[in-house]
Protein backbone atom coordinates (compact mmCIF):
# COMPACT_ATOMS: atom_id res chain seq x y z
CA MET A 1 0.17 0.30 0.19
CA ARG A 2 2.77 2.44 0.75
CA LEU A 3 4.65 1.42 -2.41
CA VAL A 4 1.48 1.79 -4.22
CA SER A 5 0.82 5.69 -2.82
CA GLY A 6 4.92 6.71 -3.37
CA PHE A 7 4.13 5.51 -6.94
CA GLY A 8 1.33 8.15 -7.05
CA CYS A 9 2.91 11.07 -5.17
CA PHE A 10 6.42 10.43 -7.90
CA LEU A 11 3.60 10.31 -10.68
CA TRP A 12 2.19 13.28 -9.53
CA GLY A 13 4.73 15.47 -8.56
CA SER A 14 6.14 14.34 -11.68
CA LEU A 15 3.75 15.91 -14.13
CA ALA A 16 3.74 19.27 -11.19
CA VAL A 17 6.95 19.50 -12.94
CA LEU A 18 6.45 19.29 -16.46
CA LEU A 19 3.45 21.92 -16.17
CA CYS A 20 6.12 24.32 -14.44
CA ALA A 21 8.47 23.63 -17.19
CA VAL A 22 5.91 24.99 -20.05
CA PRO A 23 6.27 28.44 -21.08
CA ALA A 24 3.21 30.48 -20.43
CA ASN A 25 2.90 31.67 -24.15
CA PRO A 26 3.65 29.13 -26.73
CA ASP A 27 2.71 30.33 -29.13
CA ARG A 28 5.46 33.02 -29.50
CA HIS A 29 8.10 30.13 -29.35
CA VAL A 30 6.34 28.66 -32.49
CA LYS A 31 5.91 32.10 -33.80
CA ALA A 32 9.86 32.91 -33.58
CA ALA A 33 10.55 29.18 -34.55
CA LEU A 34 8.44 29.78 -37.53
CA ALA A 35 10.29 33.72 -38.61
CA PRO A 36 13.26 32.57 -40.36
CA VAL A 37 10.61 30.40 -42.36
CA ASP A 38 8.46 32.82 -43.10
CA ALA A 39 11.45 35.22 -44.70
CA ILE A 40 12.65 32.92 -46.75
CA ALA A 41 9.57 33.05 -48.41
CA ALA A 42 8.47 36.77 -48.39
CA LEU A 43 12.47 36.85 -50.18
CA ALA A 44 11.59 33.87 -52.72
CA HIS A 45 8.36 35.33 -53.58
CA SER A 46 9.74 38.96 -53.86
CA ASN A 47 12.75 37.37 -55.63
CA ALA A 48 9.97 35.90 -58.25
CA ALA A 49 8.03 38.59 -59.11
CA LEU A 50 10.89 40.90 -60.47
CA ALA A 51 12.88 37.59 -61.93
CA THR A 52 12.88 36.60 -65.68
CA PRO A 53 10.38 33.53 -66.42
CA GLU A 54 13.34 30.95 -66.11
CA LEU A 55 14.65 32.48 -62.69
CA ARG A 56 10.41 32.14 -61.29
CA THR A 57 10.99 28.72 -62.48
CA ALA A 58 14.27 28.11 -60.70
CA LEU A 59 12.43 30.26 -57.38
CA ALA A 60 9.34 27.34 -57.27
CA ASP A 61 11.46 24.45 -57.39
CA PRO A 62 12.75 23.83 -53.65
CA ASP A 63 16.21 21.96 -54.67
CA ALA A 64 17.24 24.55 -56.58
CA MET A 65 15.98 27.78 -53.92
CA ALA A 66 19.36 25.33 -51.51
CA THR A 67 21.34 26.74 -55.14
CA LEU A 68 20.13 30.07 -55.29
CA ALA A 69 20.29 31.06 -51.64
CA ASP A 70 21.13 34.81 -53.15
CA PRO A 71 19.70 35.10 -56.27
CA VAL A 72 21.21 37.70 -58.98
CA ILE A 73 19.21 39.39 -61.47
CA LYS A 74 20.42 40.84 -64.20
CA VAL A 75 18.53 43.63 -65.53
CA PRO A 76 19.38 43.90 -69.57
CA LEU A 77 20.32 48.12 -70.23
CA VAL A 78 18.23 49.69 -72.62
CA GLU A 79 20.66 50.76 -75.58
CA PRO A 80 19.92 54.52 -76.65
CA GLU A 81 17.99 55.33 -80.04
CA VAL A 82 20.99 56.87 -82.06
CA ASN A 83 19.16 59.38 -84.26
CA VAL A 84 21.19 59.86 -87.66
CA SER A 85 20.64 62.67 -90.09
CA PRO A 86 19.92 62.37 -93.12
CA LEU A 87 23.12 64.23 -93.74
CA GLU A 88 24.97 62.24 -91.90
CA ALA A 89 23.97 59.36 -93.77
CA SER A 90 27.00 56.45 -94.90
CA ASP A 91 27.82 55.15 -98.06
CA GLU A 92 25.23 52.42 -96.87
CA CYS A 93 22.64 54.93 -97.22
CA VAL A 94 23.23 53.87 -101.24
CA LEU A 95 21.66 50.58 -100.97
CA SER A 96 18.06 51.94 -100.07
CA GLU A 97 16.14 53.97 -102.11
CA GLU A 98 14.49 55.84 -98.44
CA CYS A 99 17.72 56.91 -97.16
CA ILE A 100 18.76 58.42 -100.35
CA ASP A 101 16.01 60.47 -100.75
CA GLN A 102 15.47 61.02 -97.19
CA TYR A 103 18.97 63.49 -97.91
CA LEU A 104 18.06 64.28 -101.40
CA TRP A 105 15.18 66.09 -99.38
CA SER A 106 17.29 67.49 -97.00
CA VAL A 107 19.67 69.18 -99.53
CA TYR A 108 16.58 70.68 -101.41
CA GLU A 109 15.12 71.42 -98.06
CA ARG A 110 17.97 73.24 -96.90
CA ALA A 111 18.12 76.06 -100.24
CA ARG A 112 16.53 79.38 -100.64
CA LYS A 113 13.92 79.17 -103.38
CA VAL A 114 14.88 82.58 -104.46
CA ASP A 115 16.56 83.41 -107.91
CA THR A 116 17.10 86.80 -110.18
CA ILE A 117 15.10 87.22 -113.11
CA LYS A 118 15.24 89.78 -116.35
CA VAL A 119 11.52 91.71 -116.38
CA GLN A 120 10.58 93.82 -119.17
CA GLU A 121 8.67 96.65 -118.04
CA ARG A 122 7.27 99.56 -120.66
CA ILE A 123 7.32 103.03 -119.06
CA LYS A 124 6.16 106.12 -121.12
CA ALA A 125 8.52 108.40 -121.49
CA THR A 126 8.76 112.74 -123.32
CA VAL A 127 11.47 113.39 -125.55
CA LYS A 128 12.19 115.99 -128.12
CA LYS A 129 12.32 115.85 -131.76
CA ASN A 130 12.80 118.47 -133.94
CA GLY A 131 12.06 121.36 -131.28
CA LYS A 132 8.65 119.36 -129.87
CA SER A 133 7.58 117.38 -127.36
CA ARG A 134 6.35 113.77 -127.56
CA THR A 135 5.37 111.43 -125.10
CA VAL A 136 6.94 107.80 -125.95
CA THR A 137 6.78 104.73 -124.73
CA LYS A 138 10.51 102.56 -123.86
CA THR A 139 10.67 99.07 -122.76
CA ILE A 140 13.28 98.35 -120.27
CA THR A 141 14.81 94.86 -118.49
CA LYS A 142 15.15 95.03 -115.24
CA LEU A 143 16.66 92.58 -112.66
CA VAL A 144 14.09 91.43 -110.19
CA ASN A 145 14.51 88.84 -107.05
CA GLU A 146 11.57 86.55 -107.36
CA ASP A 147 10.60 83.69 -104.47
CA PHE A 148 9.46 80.69 -106.13
CA THR A 149 9.30 78.55 -102.86
CA TRP A 150 5.77 78.82 -103.47
CA LYS A 151 5.64 76.83 -107.15
CA ASP A 152 7.30 73.42 -106.16
CA PRO A 153 4.52 72.95 -103.09
CA HIS A 154 1.42 74.01 -105.34
CA ALA A 155 2.65 71.80 -108.48
CA ALA A 156 2.13 69.27 -105.87
CA GLU A 157 -1.22 69.46 -104.28
CA LYS A 158 -2.35 69.61 -108.08
CA ALA A 159 -0.61 66.45 -108.85
CA GLY A 160 -2.22 65.30 -105.31
CA MET A 161 0.99 64.15 -104.22
CA SER A 162 3.40 65.59 -100.65
CA VAL A 163 6.72 67.85 -101.66
CA VAL A 164 9.29 65.14 -101.14
CA GLN A 165 6.79 62.85 -103.34
CA TYR A 166 6.70 65.16 -105.46
CA VAL A 167 10.46 66.85 -106.36
CA ILE A 168 12.74 64.01 -104.93
CA GLY A 169 10.39 60.46 -106.16
CA GLY A 170 9.81 62.15 -109.88
CA MET A 171 13.12 61.77 -110.52
CA ASP A 172 14.76 58.82 -111.93
CA ARG A 173 16.34 56.45 -109.65
CA GLY A 174 19.64 55.91 -111.14
CA PHE A 175 20.06 59.70 -111.24
CA LYS A 176 19.14 60.06 -107.55
CA VAL A 177 22.16 57.97 -107.23
CA ARG A 178 24.61 60.11 -108.80
CA LEU A 179 23.31 63.22 -107.13
CA TYR A 180 23.26 60.85 -103.98
CA ARG A 181 26.94 60.85 -104.53
CA LEU A 182 27.86 63.30 -105.95
CA PHE A 183 26.06 65.78 -103.06
CA ARG A 184 28.31 63.58 -100.32
CA ALA A 185 31.24 64.79 -101.87
CA LEU A 186 30.09 68.71 -102.31
CA ASP A 187 29.50 68.40 -98.47
CA ASP A 188 32.83 66.80 -97.56
CA ALA A 189 34.62 69.46 -99.66
CA GLY A 190 33.07 71.99 -97.50
CA LEU A 191 31.08 73.46 -100.61
CA ALA A 192 27.87 73.23 -98.99
CA PRO A 193 25.70 71.99 -101.95
CA GLY A 194 21.42 73.42 -102.18
CA MET A 195 18.84 71.81 -104.31
CA THR A 196 16.74 74.17 -105.88
CA SER A 197 14.67 71.91 -108.60
CA GLY A 198 14.39 68.74 -109.04
CA PHE A 199 11.59 66.91 -110.94
CA ARG A 200 9.35 69.15 -112.84
CA ASP A 201 5.95 68.12 -114.60
CA ASP A 202 4.26 70.10 -117.39
CA TYR A 203 2.36 72.78 -115.21
CA ARG A 204 5.66 73.49 -112.66
CA GLN A 205 7.90 73.98 -116.28
CA SER A 206 4.99 76.54 -117.11
CA ILE A 207 5.24 78.40 -114.33
CA ALA A 208 9.40 78.64 -114.30
CA SER A 209 11.23 82.06 -114.82
CA GLY A 210 14.41 82.70 -116.28
CA HIS A 211 16.38 80.31 -118.66
CA LYS A 212 13.72 77.27 -119.60
CA ALA A 213 12.56 74.73 -121.83
CA ALA A 214 9.97 74.70 -123.24
CA THR A 215 6.44 73.08 -121.75
CA GLY A 216 6.64 69.69 -121.97
CA ASN A 217 10.62 69.77 -122.97
CA SER A 218 12.17 69.60 -119.86
CA TYR A 219 14.37 66.86 -118.92
CA HIS A 220 13.65 67.77 -115.46
CA GLY A 221 10.69 64.90 -115.84
CA GLY A 222 8.52 67.00 -119.19
CA SER A 223 5.64 64.71 -120.39
CA ARG A 224 7.81 64.16 -123.82
CA ARG A 225 10.59 63.14 -121.53
CA GLY A 226 8.96 60.56 -120.21
CA GLY A 227 7.34 61.73 -116.92
CA TYR A 228 6.71 61.44 -113.62
CA GLY A 229 9.88 59.29 -112.61
CA HIS A 230 12.11 59.98 -115.20
CA GLY A 231 13.35 63.66 -114.52
CA LEU A 232 17.07 63.30 -115.77
CA ALA A 233 18.02 67.37 -114.19
CA ALA A 234 18.11 69.06 -110.82
CA ASP A 235 19.60 72.59 -110.21
CA VAL A 236 21.88 72.99 -107.48
CA VAL A 237 23.60 76.21 -105.70
CA SER A 238 25.70 77.09 -102.43
CA VAL A 239 24.00 77.81 -99.15
CA LYS A 240 27.48 78.64 -98.14
CA GLY A 241 27.49 82.54 -97.42
CA GLU A 242 25.54 84.86 -95.53
CA THR A 243 24.15 87.02 -98.05
CA ARG A 244 23.04 86.59 -101.01
CA PHE A 245 26.61 87.34 -102.67
CA GLU A 246 28.44 85.50 -100.61
CA ARG A 247 26.19 82.42 -101.55
CA TRP A 248 26.74 83.63 -105.20
CA ILE A 249 30.81 83.17 -105.13
CA SER A 250 30.20 80.53 -103.05
CA SER A 251 27.77 78.87 -106.36
CA GLU A 252 29.96 79.94 -108.56
CA ILE A 253 32.71 77.64 -106.86
CA LEU A 254 30.52 74.82 -106.77
CA TRP A 255 29.95 75.00 -110.31
CA LYS A 256 33.61 75.39 -111.37
CA TRP A 257 34.19 72.28 -109.02
CA ILE A 258 31.41 70.11 -110.76
CA ASP A 259 33.04 71.43 -114.22
CA ALA A 260 36.32 69.59 -112.94
CA HIS A 261 34.72 66.45 -110.72
CA GLY A 262 31.58 66.48 -112.19
CA LYS A 263 32.72 63.11 -114.22
CA GLU A 264 33.49 61.21 -112.05
CA TYR A 265 30.07 61.12 -110.50
CA GLY A 266 28.18 60.73 -114.02
CA ILE A 267 27.27 64.61 -113.46
CA GLY A 268 27.87 67.23 -115.69
CA ARG A 269 26.68 70.91 -116.97
CA PRO A 270 25.52 71.04 -120.12
CA TYR A 271 24.79 75.15 -120.61
CA LEU A 272 27.48 75.58 -118.35
CA ASP A 273 27.32 79.97 -117.54
CA LYS A 274 24.41 80.09 -119.73
CA ASP A 275 22.29 78.23 -117.38
CA PRO A 276 25.01 77.43 -114.57
CA PRO A 277 22.18 75.77 -111.39
CA HIS A 278 21.35 73.05 -114.36
CA ILE A 279 22.94 69.66 -113.84
CA ALA A 280 21.80 66.41 -115.89
CA PRO A 281 23.72 63.27 -116.37
CA ILE A 282 26.76 63.18 -118.81
CA ASP A 283 25.57 60.16 -120.76
CA GLY A 284 22.20 61.21 -121.57
CA LYS A 285 20.87 62.74 -124.33
CA GLU A 286 20.35 66.80 -122.70
CA TYR A 287 24.63 66.50 -121.95
CA ALA A 288 25.22 65.27 -125.24
CA ASP A 289 22.95 67.49 -127.46
CA LYS A 290 24.77 70.27 -125.68
CA ARG A 291 28.38 68.98 -124.66
CA GLY A 292 28.77 65.92 -126.12
CA VAL A 293 29.28 63.90 -129.39
CA ASN A 294 26.13 65.19 -131.06
CA ALA A 295 27.55 69.34 -130.02
CA LYS A 296 30.96 68.46 -131.48
CA LEU A 297 29.41 66.86 -134.15
CA ALA A 298 27.02 69.57 -134.95
CA GLY A 299 30.09 72.36 -134.20
CA LYS A 300 31.90 70.68 -137.38
CA GLY A 301 29.06 70.61 -138.83
CA SER A 302 28.55 74.45 -138.99
CA ALA A 303 32.13 74.84 -139.01
CA ALA A 304 32.44 73.18 -142.51
CA THR A 305 29.70 74.87 -143.80
CA SER A 306 30.92 78.50 -142.29
CA ARG A 307 34.44 77.37 -143.96
CA ASP A 308 32.65 76.75 -147.55
CA ALA A 309 30.79 79.38 -147.53
CA LYS A 310 33.94 81.59 -146.74
CA VAL A 311 36.03 79.71 -149.57
CA ALA A 312 32.47 80.61 -152.01
CA LYS A 313 33.32 84.30 -151.60
CA SER A 314 36.94 84.26 -152.20
CA PRO A 315 38.38 86.38 -155.56
CA GLN A 316 39.43 82.81 -156.62
CA ALA A 317 36.62 81.48 -156.65
CA ILE A 318 34.34 83.80 -158.44
CA LEU A 319 37.88 83.89 -161.07
CA GLN A 320 37.16 80.49 -160.96
CA ARG A 321 33.42 80.34 -161.38
CA ARG A 322 33.20 83.07 -164.44
CA ALA A 323 36.21 81.18 -165.90
CA GLU A 324 33.69 78.16 -166.09
CA HIS A 325 31.21 80.01 -167.59
CA LYS A 326 32.92 82.00 -169.80
CA PRO A 327 32.14 80.83 -173.86
CA LEU A 328 35.23 79.16 -175.83
């Protein structure tokens, strides 16, 4: 009986010791034990939200988490866009018609569309003759400045096109490649080329001033020369200089440069100083008629005709003809 009673006391005493050893707030220790696990899970979740799809897959794998204790997220750098100006285009531009058109358009845009033209004006003047005064009408020629900036846009609107489509798109494709190479060389030489005229249709030619071909016959793109897409002429000046006089001097230097080096690019000035800005392909009909083989043949024919006329009027020729017709 004593043994049973002692065993009962031992049992109840052990239970009391266990109850005293248990903490008053067991949840606090459980939360503390689980805190590192929650932190790791939160970090993994935040990394997975920022990571790439491949990294998200790796974070979802418990085995991969052991190897990715401190994952590094690589964010690709965005390369800045390079805005290349048409005037800075490289020789690779010749492979793209769009690139060539943009460059030629920039050369066209930077040129002032101003020209000096001759205008005839009729005025009344009083003159004296034999002591009497009378009023007469005289015709005088004046040099005036003409701003023709409006002409190409007006012609383009009439044709239902934008100005760049009209002026640049209307030129022959092969000729545009030549112009591109020539203008690039002029730019590199510091001569600052500017194009004042590209394609012209019959209407645009009809409102042109100064030295010009008849409507329809213009190599700028007249209907008798093929029309749109077949323009084989352009007008070029220099935009270098603050005043118009300075730009005129620069233009003369530019034209002489074309005379000296233009053949390297297949372009020349058919009319020289009669129409200084006008340029065209040296293997085209216009250049051939004015300065090429056709012009030389025509020049030889004219020289021969003139020489024969001089010989026919010489005294020896006259005496010879008289002798031939003298009766025996």
